[in-house]
């Protein structure tokens, strides 16, 4: 069935088209480094908030004009970053003073949004390993500072498969594939640039 083959192509293209950017940002993340401190982890959360919050705002704006094929409000995770930071002693007032990224991925339509979401949603997949590492090192759990990485918890795999299905259905005609892949690549690159600029590592 040609339609089925076409549906599968987009996820393969996304993985292959972003492998370099994905590997690059993974190399700078500190979660499994020997010298990771709780203070450095808090800086990571602050930097993530500065990126995720404005990006999610733009994704919601797209959803007011068009549909992603799923409820974008249920995939908003900046609120989990705020909850984690509060649990770790950062006040609401402090959070409002944190810098926000002003060099965001272009998010003008569903093509852009799905490419960006490939990066954001994909980040949930390794979250369970990070949560275990945080608990081992600092005793931090979902309710005490690791809610962002806990993400969807036991539903993470289900949520990811739902997302993949939506992308495949949307791109089944093949016309949006290159735009979606380019958006994912740009999102990885801009997130890495922001994290380096935030100087979160010790």
C-alpha atoms as a PDB file:
ATOM      1  CA  UNK A   1       0.000   0.000   0.000  1.00  0.00           C
ATOM      2  CA  UNK A   2       1.788   3.219  -1.151  1.00  0.00           C
ATOM      3  CA  UNK A   3       0.028   5.359   1.485  1.00  0.00           C
ATOM      4  CA  UNK A   4       1.436   3.259   4.320  1.00  0.00           C
ATOM      5  CA  UNK A   5       4.962   3.484   2.895  1.00  0.00           C
ATOM      6  CA  UNK A   6       4.582   7.245   2.622  1.00  0.00           C
ATOM      7  CA  UNK A   7       3.338   7.512   6.204  1.00  0.00           C
ATOM      8  CA  UNK A   8       6.434   5.742   7.521  1.00  0.00           C
ATOM      9  CA  UNK A   9       8.868   7.920   5.570  1.00  0.00           C
ATOM     10  CA  UNK A  10       8.497  11.074   7.653  1.00  0.00           C
ATOM     11  CA  UNK A  11       9.679   9.583  10.954  1.00  0.00           C
ATOM     12  CA  UNK A  12      12.624   7.922   9.241  1.00  0.00           C
ATOM     13  CA  UNK A  13      13.442  11.246   7.585  1.00  0.00           C
ATOM     14  CA  UNK A  14      13.209  13.112  10.892  1.00  0.00           C
ATOM     15  CA  UNK A  15      15.548  10.712  12.657  1.00  0.00           C
ATOM     16  CA  UNK A  16      18.075  10.673   9.820  1.00  0.00           C
ATOM     17  CA  UNK A  17      17.807  14.383   9.149  1.00  0.00           C
ATOM     18  CA  UNK A  18      18.501  15.425  12.740  1.00  0.00           C
ATOM     19  CA  UNK A  19      20.969  12.765  13.891  1.00  0.00           C
ATOM     20  CA  UNK A  20      23.907  15.179  13.869  1.00  0.00           C
ATOM     21  CA  UNK A  21      22.042  17.901  15.766  1.00  0.00           C
ATOM     22  CA  UNK A  22      20.623  15.370  18.225  1.00  0.00           C
ATOM     23  CA  UNK A  23      24.053  13.935  18.992  1.00  0.00           C
ATOM     24  CA  UNK A  24      25.540  17.407  19.360  1.00  0.00           C
ATOM     25  CA  UNK A  25      23.077  18.567  22.000  1.00  0.00           C
ATOM     26  CA  UNK A  26      23.266  15.272  23.886  1.00  0.00           C
ATOM     27  CA  UNK A  27      27.025  15.765  24.273  1.00  0.00           C
ATOM     28  CA  UNK A  28      26.584  19.007  26.217  1.00  0.00           C
ATOM     29  CA  UNK A  29      23.897  17.754  28.595  1.00  0.00           C
ATOM     30  CA  UNK A  30      25.342  17.154  32.074  1.00  0.00           C
ATOM     31  CA  UNK A  31      22.948  14.613  33.568  1.00  0.00           C
ATOM     32  CA  UNK A  32      25.299  11.627  33.602  1.00  0.00           C
ATOM     33  CA  UNK A  33      28.558  13.466  34.185  1.00  0.00           C
ATOM     34  CA  UNK A  34      30.485  12.669  37.360  1.00  0.00           C
ATOM     35  CA  UNK A  35      30.599  16.297  38.484  1.00  0.00           C
ATOM     36  CA  UNK A  36      26.886  17.071  38.133  1.00  0.00           C
ATOM     37  CA  UNK A  37      25.731  19.072  41.153  1.00  0.00           C
ATOM     38  CA  UNK A  38      22.224  19.973  42.302  1.00  0.00           C
ATOM     39  CA  UNK A  39      23.036  23.616  41.581  1.00  0.00           C
ATOM     40  CA  UNK A  40      23.999  22.746  37.996  1.00  0.00           C
ATOM     41  CA  UNK A  41      20.776  20.764  37.594  1.00  0.00           C
ATOM     42  CA  UNK A  42      18.774  23.788  38.746  1.00  0.00           C
ATOM     43  CA  UNK A  43      20.564  25.918  36.154  1.00  0.00           C
ATOM     44  CA  UNK A  44      19.554  23.421  33.480  1.00  0.00           C
ATOM     45  CA  UNK A  45      15.909  23.722  34.541  1.00  0.00           C
ATOM     46  CA  UNK A  46      16.136  27.521  34.459  1.00  0.00           C
ATOM     47  CA  UNK A  47      17.629  27.444  30.964  1.00  0.00           C
ATOM     48  CA  UNK A  48      14.979  24.991  29.765  1.00  0.00           C
ATOM     49  CA  UNK A  49      12.249  27.277  31.125  1.00  0.00           C
ATOM     50  CA  UNK A  50      13.749  30.146  29.160  1.00  0.00           C
ATOM     51  CA  UNK A  51      13.391  28.120  25.963  1.00  0.00           C
ATOM     52  CA  UNK A  52      10.292  25.984  26.457  1.00  0.00           C
ATOM     53  CA  UNK A  53       8.029  28.753  27.739  1.00  0.00           C
ATOM     54  CA  UNK A  54       8.230  31.064  24.702  1.00  0.00           C
ATOM     55  CA  UNK A  55       8.291  28.133  22.259  1.00  0.00           C
ATOM     56  CA  UNK A  56       5.171  26.599  23.780  1.00  0.00           C
ATOM     57  CA  UNK A  57       3.457  29.985  23.584  1.00  0.00           C
ATOM     58  CA  UNK A  58       4.122  30.056  19.823  1.00  0.00           C
ATOM     59  CA  UNK A  59       2.892  26.484  19.435  1.00  0.00           C
ATOM     60  CA  UNK A  60      -0.372  27.420  21.156  1.00  0.00           C
ATOM     61  CA  UNK A  61      -0.701  30.303  18.705  1.00  0.00           C
ATOM     62  CA  UNK A  62      -0.484  27.890  15.762  1.00  0.00           C
ATOM     63  CA  UNK A  63      -3.141  25.695  17.384  1.00  0.00           C
ATOM     64  CA  UNK A  64      -5.585  28.626  17.450  1.00  0.00           C
ATOM     65  CA  UNK A  65      -5.410  28.767  13.631  1.00  0.00           C
ATOM     66  CA  UNK A  66      -4.966  25.124  12.659  1.00  0.00           C
ATOM     67  CA  UNK A  67      -4.816  21.634  14.144  1.00  0.00           C
ATOM     68  CA  UNK A  68      -1.902  19.386  14.992  1.00  0.00           C
ATOM     69  CA  UNK A  69      -4.136  16.332  15.210  1.00  0.00           C
ATOM     70  CA  UNK A  70      -3.851  16.248  19.009  1.00  0.00           C
ATOM     71  CA  UNK A  71      -4.472  18.555  21.959  1.00  0.00           C
ATOM     72  CA  UNK A  72      -1.402  20.767  22.242  1.00  0.00           C
ATOM     73  CA  UNK A  73      -2.420  21.958  25.724  1.00  0.00           C
ATOM     74  CA  UNK A  74      -1.891  18.446  27.076  1.00  0.00           C
ATOM     75  CA  UNK A  75       1.702  18.460  25.833  1.00  0.00           C
ATOM     76  CA  UNK A  76       2.791  21.713  27.472  1.00  0.00           C
ATOM     77  CA  UNK A  77       5.701  21.097  29.854  1.00  0.00           C
ATOM     78  CA  UNK A  78       6.932  24.556  30.856  1.00  0.00           C
ATOM     79  CA  UNK A  79       4.506  24.370  33.784  1.00  0.00           C
ATOM     80  CA  UNK A  80       6.389  21.280  34.996  1.00  0.00           C
ATOM     81  CA  UNK A  81       9.642  23.233  34.907  1.00  0.00           C
ATOM     82  CA  UNK A  82       8.056  25.927  37.065  1.00  0.00           C
ATOM     83  CA  UNK A  83       6.813  23.297  39.508  1.00  0.00           C
ATOM     84  CA  UNK A  84      10.255  21.690  39.714  1.00  0.00           C
ATOM     85  CA  UNK A  85      11.995  25.006  40.293  1.00  0.00           C
ATOM     86  CA  UNK A  86       9.555  25.891  43.062  1.00  0.00           C
ATOM     87  CA  UNK A  87      10.224  22.529  44.718  1.00  0.00           C
ATOM     88  CA  UNK A  88      13.956  23.246  44.539  1.00  0.00           C
ATOM     89  CA  UNK A  89      13.686  26.664  46.171  1.00  0.00           C
ATOM     90  CA  UNK A  90      13.339  29.057  43.222  1.00  0.00           C
ATOM     91  CA  UNK A  91      10.538  31.567  43.778  1.00  0.00           C
ATOM     92  CA  UNK A  92       7.933  32.731  41.270  1.00  0.00           C
ATOM     93  CA  UNK A  93       9.534  36.186  41.391  1.00  0.00           C
ATOM     94  CA  UNK A  94      12.946  34.709  40.588  1.00  0.00           C
ATOM     95  CA  UNK A  95      11.483  32.806  37.647  1.00  0.00           C
ATOM     96  CA  UNK A  96       9.998  35.952  36.147  1.00  0.00           C
ATOM     97  CA  UNK A  97      13.469  37.504  36.131  1.00  0.00           C
ATOM     98  CA  UNK A  98      15.073  34.617  34.262  1.00  0.00           C
ATOM     99  CA  UNK A  99      16.064  35.379  30.651  1.00  0.00           C
ATOM    100  CA  UNK A 100      13.836  34.010  27.894  1.00  0.00           C
ATOM    101  CA  UNK A 101      15.190  32.917  24.557  1.00  0.00           C
ATOM    102  CA  UNK A 102      14.494  35.529  21.879  1.00  0.00           C
ATOM    103  CA  UNK A 103      16.005  33.559  18.981  1.00  0.00           C
ATOM    104  CA  UNK A 104      13.275  30.984  18.572  1.00  0.00           C
ATOM    105  CA  UNK A 105      12.554  28.480  15.817  1.00  0.00           C
ATOM    106  CA  UNK A 106      10.295  29.869  13.109  1.00  0.00           C
ATOM    107  CA  UNK A 107       6.820  28.737  14.127  1.00  0.00           C
ATOM    108  CA  UNK A 108       4.326  29.995  11.580  1.00  0.00           C
ATOM    109  CA  UNK A 109       2.351  26.898  10.620  1.00  0.00           C
ATOM    110  CA  UNK A 110       1.745  23.221  11.360  1.00  0.00           C
ATOM    111  CA  UNK A 111       4.806  22.117   9.372  1.00  0.00           C
ATOM    112  CA  UNK A 112       7.012  24.260  11.611  1.00  0.00           C
ATOM    113  CA  UNK A 113       5.157  23.186  14.723  1.00  0.00           C
ATOM    114  CA  UNK A 114       5.417  19.454  14.108  1.00  0.00           C
ATOM    115  CA  UNK A 115       9.138  19.688  13.433  1.00  0.00           C
ATOM    116  CA  UNK A 116       9.636  21.625  16.640  1.00  0.00           C
ATOM    117  CA  UNK A 117       7.467  19.197  18.572  1.00  0.00           C
ATOM    118  CA  UNK A 118       9.542  16.286  17.298  1.00  0.00           C
ATOM    119  CA  UNK A 119      12.370  17.731  19.398  1.00  0.00           C
ATOM    120  CA  UNK A 120      10.264  18.660  22.430  1.00  0.00           C
ATOM    121  CA  UNK A 121       8.268  15.447  22.527  1.00  0.00           C
ATOM    122  CA  UNK A 122      11.318  13.343  21.757  1.00  0.00           C
ATOM    123  CA  UNK A 123      12.992  14.741  24.853  1.00  0.00           C
ATOM    124  CA  UNK A 124      10.492  12.824  26.999  1.00  0.00           C
ATOM    125  CA  UNK A 125      11.884   9.472  25.862  1.00  0.00           C
ATOM    126  CA  UNK A 126      15.099   9.640  27.856  1.00  0.00           C
ATOM    127  CA  UNK A 127      13.433  11.326  30.788  1.00  0.00           C
ATOM    128  CA  UNK A 128      12.890   8.171  32.813  1.00  0.00           C
ATOM    129  CA  UNK A 129      16.626   7.448  32.839  1.00  0.00           C
ATOM    130  CA  UNK A 130      17.339  11.009  33.945  1.00  0.00           C
ATOM    131  CA  UNK A 131      14.750  10.770  36.735  1.00  0.00           C
ATOM    132  CA  UNK A 132      16.446   7.648  38.096  1.00  0.00           C
ATOM    133  CA  UNK A 133      19.822   9.353  37.952  1.00  0.00           C
ATOM    134  CA  UNK A 134      18.496  12.423  39.787  1.00  0.00           C
ATOM    135  CA  UNK A 135      16.961  10.236  42.485  1.00  0.00           C
ATOM    136  CA  UNK A 136      20.197   8.311  42.944  1.00  0.00           C
ATOM    137  CA  UNK A 137      22.321  11.445  43.192  1.00  0.00           C
ATOM    138  CA  UNK A 138      20.081  13.956  44.956  1.00  0.00           C
ATOM    139  CA  UNK A 139      16.994  12.083  46.180  1.00  0.00           C
ATOM    140  CA  UNK A 140      14.911  14.160  43.768  1.00  0.00           C
ATOM    141  CA  UNK A 141      11.653  12.595  42.552  1.00  0.00           C
ATOM    142  CA  UNK A 142       8.701  13.588  40.393  1.00  0.00           C
ATOM    143  CA  UNK A 143       7.061  15.757  43.060  1.00  0.00           C
ATOM    144  CA  UNK A 144      10.282  17.186  44.465  1.00  0.00           C
ATOM    145  CA  UNK A 145      12.034  18.554  41.387  1.00  0.00           C
ATOM    146  CA  UNK A 146      12.034  15.960  38.589  1.00  0.00           C
ATOM    147  CA  UNK A 147       8.508  16.383  37.205  1.00  0.00           C
ATOM    148  CA  UNK A 148       9.712  17.771  33.871  1.00  0.00           C
ATOM    149  CA  UNK A 149      11.796  14.695  33.119  1.00  0.00           C
ATOM    150  CA  UNK A 150       9.167  12.367  34.543  1.00  0.00           C
ATOM    151  CA  UNK A 151       6.929  13.889  31.878  1.00  0.00           C
ATOM    152  CA  UNK A 152       4.153  11.503  30.953  1.00  0.00           C
ATOM    153  CA  UNK A 153       5.495   8.769  33.224  1.00  0.00           C
ATOM    154  CA  UNK A 154       4.179   5.330  32.302  1.00  0.00           C
ATOM    155  CA  UNK A 155       2.283   6.919  29.399  1.00  0.00           C
ATOM    156  CA  UNK A 156       5.436   8.279  27.735  1.00  0.00           C
ATOM    157  CA  UNK A 157       5.615   5.509  25.136  1.00  0.00           C
ATOM    158  CA  UNK A 158       1.905   5.814  24.381  1.00  0.00           C
ATOM    159  CA  UNK A 159       2.137   9.595  23.983  1.00  0.00           C
ATOM    160  CA  UNK A 160       5.137   9.283  21.682  1.00  0.00           C
ATOM    161  CA  UNK A 161       3.390   6.743  19.456  1.00  0.00           C
ATOM    162  CA  UNK A 162       0.318   8.996  19.302  1.00  0.00           C
ATOM    163  CA  UNK A 163       2.520  11.882  18.242  1.00  0.00           C
ATOM    164  CA  UNK A 164       4.253   9.795  15.570  1.00  0.00           C
ATOM    165  CA  UNK A 165       0.905   8.658  14.192  1.00  0.00           C
ATOM    166  CA  UNK A 166      -0.300  12.265  13.948  1.00  0.00           C
ATOM    167  CA  UNK A 167       2.856  13.335  12.091  1.00  0.00           C
ATOM    168  CA  UNK A 168       2.595  10.407   9.682  1.00  0.00           C
ATOM    169  CA  UNK A 169      -1.043  11.137   8.908  1.00  0.00           C
ATOM    170  CA  UNK A 170      -0.347  14.828   8.384  1.00  0.00           C
ATOM    171  CA  UNK A 171       2.644  14.222   6.105  1.00  0.00           C
ATOM    172  CA  UNK A 172       1.164  11.225   4.263  1.00  0.00           C
ATOM    173  CA  UNK A 173       1.112  13.194   1.001  1.00  0.00           C
ATOM    174  CA  UNK A 174       4.830  13.907   1.328  1.00  0.00           C
ATOM    175  CA  UNK A 175       4.559  17.624   0.502  1.00  0.00           C
ATOM    176  CA  UNK A 176       5.407  18.793   4.046  1.00  0.00           C
ATOM    177  CA  UNK A 177       8.259  16.400   4.771  1.00  0.00           C
ATOM    178  CA  UNK A 178      11.219  18.679   4.038  1.00  0.00           C
ATOM    179  CA  UNK A 179       9.682  21.594   5.951  1.00  0.00           C
ATOM    180  CA  UNK A 180       9.025  19.436   9.020  1.00  0.00           C
ATOM    181  CA  UNK A 181      12.564  18.039   8.994  1.00  0.00           C
ATOM    182  CA  UNK A 182      14.089  21.496   8.575  1.00  0.00           C
ATOM    183  CA  UNK A 183      12.050  22.810  11.502  1.00  0.00           C
ATOM    184  CA  UNK A 184      13.241  19.946  13.720  1.00  0.00           C
ATOM    185  CA  UNK A 185      16.845  20.594  12.713  1.00  0.00           C
ATOM    186  CA  UNK A 186      16.507  24.316  13.455  1.00  0.00           C
ATOM    187  CA  UNK A 187      14.907  23.609  16.831  1.00  0.00           C
ATOM    188  CA  UNK A 188      17.781  21.340  17.882  1.00  0.00           C
ATOM    189  CA  UNK A 189      20.340  23.931  16.780  1.00  0.00           C
ATOM    190  CA  UNK A 190      18.648  26.860  18.498  1.00  0.00           C
ATOM    191  CA  UNK A 191      18.097  24.889  21.706  1.00  0.00           C
ATOM    192  CA  UNK A 192      21.764  23.926  21.791  1.00  0.00           C
ATOM    193  CA  UNK A 193      22.813  27.516  21.124  1.00  0.00           C
ATOM    194  CA  UNK A 194      20.553  28.719  23.937  1.00  0.00           C
ATOM    195  CA  UNK A 195      21.841  26.134  26.399  1.00  0.00           C
ATOM    196  CA  UNK A 196      25.449  27.048  25.600  1.00  0.00           C
ATOM    197  CA  UNK A 197      24.645  30.733  25.985  1.00  0.00           C
ATOM    198  CA  UNK A 198      22.924  30.031  29.308  1.00  0.00           C
ATOM    199  CA  UNK A 199      26.241  28.566  30.534  1.00  0.00           C
ATOM    200  CA  UNK A 200      24.461  26.043  32.721  1.00  0.00           C
ATOM    201  CA  UNK A 201      27.329  23.633  33.253  1.00  0.00           C
ATOM    202  CA  UNK A 202      29.950  23.970  35.922  1.00  0.00           C
END
